[in-house]
Amino acid sequence: MAGKLVPRQIDRFFADGAGGGGAGMGAGSQVVRGQVQSVADQFGWGSGAQWSALSNIIQKESSWNPAAANSSSSARGLFQMIA
């Protein structure tokens, strides 16, 4: 069950403004990766196979850009979740 919450918790982290902003927050920045890994770690996904899978999904979906938006749908965020 907790595994299903990880993407939502991470996207919510950035949507609520907790992810901060400003310098160093560009797509793929180490700041974004570090913050995502910190949230994922709370669910036991911050290392190993879980982190590798999560990292690969984020890379493919949004290139680590928390502000990513799909112009042909309502998909937004790191995981391109449909709003």
N, C-alpha and C. Protein backbone atom coordinates (compact mmCIF):
# COMPACT_ATOMS: atom_id res chain seq x y z
N MET A 1 0.82 -1.20 0.00
CA MET A 1 0.00 0.00 0.00
C MET A 1 0.85 1.26 0.00
N ALA A 2 1.89 1.30 0.82
CA ALA A 2 2.73 2.49 0.90
C ALA A 2 3.37 2.81 -0.45
N GLY A 3 3.70 1.78 -1.23
CA GLY A 3 4.31 2.00 -2.52
C GLY A 3 3.46 2.83 -3.45
N LYS A 4 2.17 2.69 -3.38
CA LYS A 4 1.26 3.45 -4.22
C LYS A 4 1.24 4.92 -3.83
N LEU A 5 1.59 5.23 -2.61
CA LEU A 5 1.55 6.60 -2.13
C LEU A 5 2.78 7.41 -2.51
N VAL A 6 3.88 6.75 -2.82
CA VAL A 6 5.13 7.47 -3.05
C VAL A 6 5.00 8.51 -4.16
N PRO A 7 4.55 8.18 -5.38
CA PRO A 7 4.44 9.21 -6.41
C PRO A 7 3.53 10.36 -6.00
N ARG A 8 2.41 10.07 -5.39
CA ARG A 8 1.49 11.13 -4.98
C ARG A 8 2.12 12.03 -3.92
N GLN A 9 2.81 11.43 -2.96
CA GLN A 9 3.46 12.21 -1.91
C GLN A 9 4.53 13.12 -2.51
N ILE A 10 5.28 12.61 -3.45
CA ILE A 10 6.35 13.41 -4.07
C ILE A 10 5.75 14.54 -4.89
N ASP A 11 4.76 14.26 -5.73
CA ASP A 11 4.14 15.32 -6.51
C ASP A 11 3.48 16.35 -5.60
N ARG A 12 2.83 15.89 -4.52
CA ARG A 12 2.20 16.80 -3.57
C ARG A 12 3.24 17.69 -2.90
N PHE A 13 4.40 17.11 -2.60
CA PHE A 13 5.50 17.85 -1.98
C PHE A 13 5.85 19.07 -2.82
N PHE A 14 5.94 18.90 -4.13
CA PHE A 14 6.29 20.02 -5.00
C PHE A 14 5.09 20.92 -5.28
N ALA A 15 3.91 20.36 -5.42
CA ALA A 15 2.71 21.16 -5.69
C ALA A 15 2.37 22.09 -4.53
N ASP A 16 2.62 21.63 -3.30
CA ASP A 16 2.33 22.44 -2.12
C ASP A 16 3.38 23.49 -1.85
N GLY A 17 4.43 23.53 -2.66
CA GLY A 17 5.47 24.52 -2.47
C GLY A 17 6.56 24.09 -1.50
N ALA A 18 6.44 22.92 -0.92
CA ALA A 18 7.45 22.46 0.04
C ALA A 18 8.77 22.20 -0.64
N GLY A 19 8.73 21.97 -1.95
CA GLY A 19 9.95 21.70 -2.69
C GLY A 19 10.80 22.93 -2.90
N GLY A 20 10.29 24.06 -2.46
CA GLY A 20 11.06 25.29 -2.58
C GLY A 20 10.99 25.85 -3.98
N GLY A 21 12.03 26.48 -4.39
CA GLY A 21 12.08 27.10 -5.71
C GLY A 21 13.36 27.88 -5.83
N GLY A 22 13.47 28.62 -6.93
CA GLY A 22 14.64 29.46 -7.09
C GLY A 22 15.84 28.73 -7.63
N ALA A 23 17.01 29.25 -7.32
CA ALA A 23 18.26 28.72 -7.85
C ALA A 23 18.43 27.25 -7.52
N GLY A 24 18.90 26.52 -8.50
CA GLY A 24 19.17 25.10 -8.28
C GLY A 24 17.96 24.20 -8.40
N MET A 25 16.81 24.74 -8.76
CA MET A 25 15.59 23.94 -8.84
C MET A 25 15.23 23.58 -10.27
N GLY A 26 16.14 23.75 -11.22
CA GLY A 26 15.85 23.42 -12.60
C GLY A 26 15.61 21.93 -12.79
N ALA A 27 15.06 21.62 -13.96
CA ALA A 27 14.79 20.22 -14.29
C ALA A 27 16.06 19.40 -14.16
N GLY A 28 15.98 18.31 -13.44
CA GLY A 28 17.10 17.41 -13.29
C GLY A 28 18.15 17.86 -12.29
N SER A 29 17.88 18.95 -11.58
CA SER A 29 18.88 19.46 -10.64
C SER A 29 19.09 18.49 -9.48
N GLN A 30 20.25 18.58 -8.90
CA GLN A 30 20.55 17.73 -7.74
C GLN A 30 19.65 18.08 -6.56
N VAL A 31 19.19 19.33 -6.49
CA VAL A 31 18.29 19.74 -5.41
C VAL A 31 16.97 18.97 -5.54
N VAL A 32 16.41 18.92 -6.75
CA VAL A 32 15.16 18.20 -6.98
C VAL A 32 15.36 16.71 -6.67
N ARG A 33 16.41 16.14 -7.18
CA ARG A 33 16.67 14.72 -6.94
C ARG A 33 16.82 14.43 -5.45
N GLY A 34 17.53 15.29 -4.75
CA GLY A 34 17.73 15.10 -3.32
C GLY A 34 16.43 15.18 -2.55
N GLN A 35 15.57 16.13 -2.91
CA GLN A 35 14.29 16.27 -2.23
C GLN A 35 13.38 15.09 -2.51
N VAL A 36 13.36 14.63 -3.75
CA VAL A 36 12.55 13.46 -4.09
C VAL A 36 13.06 12.24 -3.33
N GLN A 37 14.36 12.07 -3.29
CA GLN A 37 14.92 10.91 -2.59
C GLN A 37 14.62 10.97 -1.10
N SER A 38 14.59 12.17 -0.54
CA SER A 38 14.27 12.33 0.88
C SER A 38 12.83 11.89 1.16
N VAL A 39 11.90 12.29 0.31
CA VAL A 39 10.50 11.88 0.48
C VAL A 39 10.37 10.38 0.26
N ALA A 40 11.01 9.86 -0.79
CA ALA A 40 10.94 8.43 -1.08
C ALA A 40 11.52 7.61 0.06
N ASP A 41 12.55 8.12 0.70
CA ASP A 41 13.19 7.41 1.80
C ASP A 41 12.22 7.20 2.97
N GLN A 42 11.29 8.12 3.15
CA GLN A 42 10.29 7.99 4.22
C GLN A 42 9.42 6.76 4.03
N PHE A 43 9.37 6.27 2.80
CA PHE A 43 8.55 5.10 2.47
C PHE A 43 9.42 3.87 2.18
N GLY A 44 10.72 3.99 2.45
CA GLY A 44 11.62 2.88 2.20
C GLY A 44 12.02 2.74 0.74
N TRP A 45 11.81 3.79 -0.05
CA TRP A 45 12.13 3.75 -1.48
C TRP A 45 13.35 4.59 -1.82
N GLY A 46 14.13 5.02 -0.84
CA GLY A 46 15.23 5.95 -1.07
C GLY A 46 16.52 5.32 -1.54
N SER A 47 16.55 4.01 -1.70
CA SER A 47 17.77 3.35 -2.16
C SER A 47 17.43 2.02 -2.82
N GLY A 48 18.42 1.42 -3.41
CA GLY A 48 18.25 0.09 -3.99
C GLY A 48 17.35 0.07 -5.21
N ALA A 49 16.73 -1.08 -5.41
CA ALA A 49 15.89 -1.30 -6.59
C ALA A 49 14.71 -0.35 -6.65
N GLN A 50 14.11 -0.02 -5.50
CA GLN A 50 12.96 0.88 -5.48
C GLN A 50 13.38 2.27 -5.96
N TRP A 51 14.51 2.77 -5.46
CA TRP A 51 14.96 4.10 -5.88
C TRP A 51 15.32 4.09 -7.37
N SER A 52 15.96 3.04 -7.82
CA SER A 52 16.32 2.94 -9.23
C SER A 52 15.07 2.97 -10.12
N ALA A 53 14.06 2.21 -9.75
CA ALA A 53 12.82 2.19 -10.53
C ALA A 53 12.13 3.56 -10.50
N LEU A 54 12.04 4.15 -9.32
CA LEU A 54 11.39 5.46 -9.17
C LEU A 54 12.14 6.51 -9.99
N SER A 55 13.46 6.50 -9.90
CA SER A 55 14.29 7.44 -10.64
C SER A 55 14.10 7.28 -12.15
N ASN A 56 14.04 6.05 -12.62
CA ASN A 56 13.83 5.80 -14.06
C ASN A 56 12.48 6.31 -14.52
N ILE A 57 11.44 6.10 -13.72
CA ILE A 57 10.10 6.58 -14.08
C ILE A 57 10.09 8.09 -14.18
N ILE A 58 10.66 8.76 -13.18
CA ILE A 58 10.68 10.23 -13.19
C ILE A 58 11.46 10.75 -14.39
N GLN A 59 12.58 10.12 -14.69
CA GLN A 59 13.39 10.56 -15.84
C GLN A 59 12.58 10.46 -17.13
N LYS A 60 11.90 9.34 -17.33
CA LYS A 60 11.12 9.14 -18.56
C LYS A 60 9.90 10.06 -18.64
N GLU A 61 9.23 10.26 -17.50
CA GLU A 61 7.98 11.03 -17.50
C GLU A 61 8.20 12.54 -17.60
N SER A 62 9.21 13.06 -16.88
CA SER A 62 9.33 14.52 -16.78
C SER A 62 10.75 15.05 -16.86
N SER A 63 11.73 14.19 -17.04
CA SER A 63 13.13 14.60 -17.02
C SER A 63 13.48 15.35 -15.74
N TRP A 64 12.86 14.94 -14.64
CA TRP A 64 13.09 15.50 -13.31
C TRP A 64 12.63 16.95 -13.19
N ASN A 65 11.66 17.35 -13.98
CA ASN A 65 11.14 18.71 -13.93
C ASN A 65 9.81 18.72 -13.17
N PRO A 66 9.78 19.24 -11.93
CA PRO A 66 8.55 19.24 -11.15
C PRO A 66 7.44 20.07 -11.78
N ALA A 67 7.81 20.98 -12.69
CA ALA A 67 6.81 21.83 -13.35
C ALA A 67 6.42 21.30 -14.73
N ALA A 68 6.82 20.08 -15.06
CA ALA A 68 6.52 19.51 -16.37
C ALA A 68 5.01 19.44 -16.58
N ALA A 69 4.59 19.80 -17.80
CA ALA A 69 3.17 19.77 -18.16
C ALA A 69 3.04 19.22 -19.57
N ASN A 70 2.12 18.29 -19.75
CA ASN A 70 1.86 17.71 -21.05
C ASN A 70 0.86 18.60 -21.78
N SER A 71 1.23 19.10 -22.94
CA SER A 71 0.37 20.02 -23.68
C SER A 71 -0.86 19.35 -24.28
N SER A 72 -0.87 18.01 -24.36
CA SER A 72 -2.00 17.33 -24.97
C SER A 72 -2.91 16.63 -23.95
N SER A 73 -2.63 16.84 -22.65
CA SER A 73 -3.49 16.27 -21.61
C SER A 73 -3.35 17.11 -20.34
N SER A 74 -3.98 16.67 -19.29
CA SER A 74 -3.87 17.41 -18.02
C SER A 74 -2.75 16.85 -17.14
N ALA A 75 -1.89 16.01 -17.71
CA ALA A 75 -0.80 15.40 -16.94
C ALA A 75 0.20 16.47 -16.50
N ARG A 76 0.56 16.41 -15.23
CA ARG A 76 1.46 17.40 -14.64
C ARG A 76 2.42 16.74 -13.67
N GLY A 77 3.55 17.39 -13.43
CA GLY A 77 4.47 17.00 -12.37
C GLY A 77 5.50 15.97 -12.77
N LEU A 78 6.26 15.55 -11.79
CA LEU A 78 7.34 14.60 -12.02
C LEU A 78 6.87 13.29 -12.62
N PHE A 79 5.69 12.83 -12.21
CA PHE A 79 5.16 11.54 -12.67
C PHE A 79 4.12 11.70 -13.78
N GLN A 80 3.87 12.93 -14.19
CA GLN A 80 2.87 13.21 -15.22
C GLN A 80 1.52 12.60 -14.88
N MET A 81 1.11 12.81 -13.64
CA MET A 81 -0.20 12.31 -13.20
C MET A 81 -1.31 13.16 -13.82
N ILE A 82 -2.37 12.49 -14.17
CA ILE A 82 -3.53 13.16 -14.76
C ILE A 82 -4.32 13.82 -13.63
N ALA A 83 -4.55 15.10 -13.79
CA ALA A 83 -5.29 15.86 -12.77
C ALA A 83 -6.78 15.73 -12.96
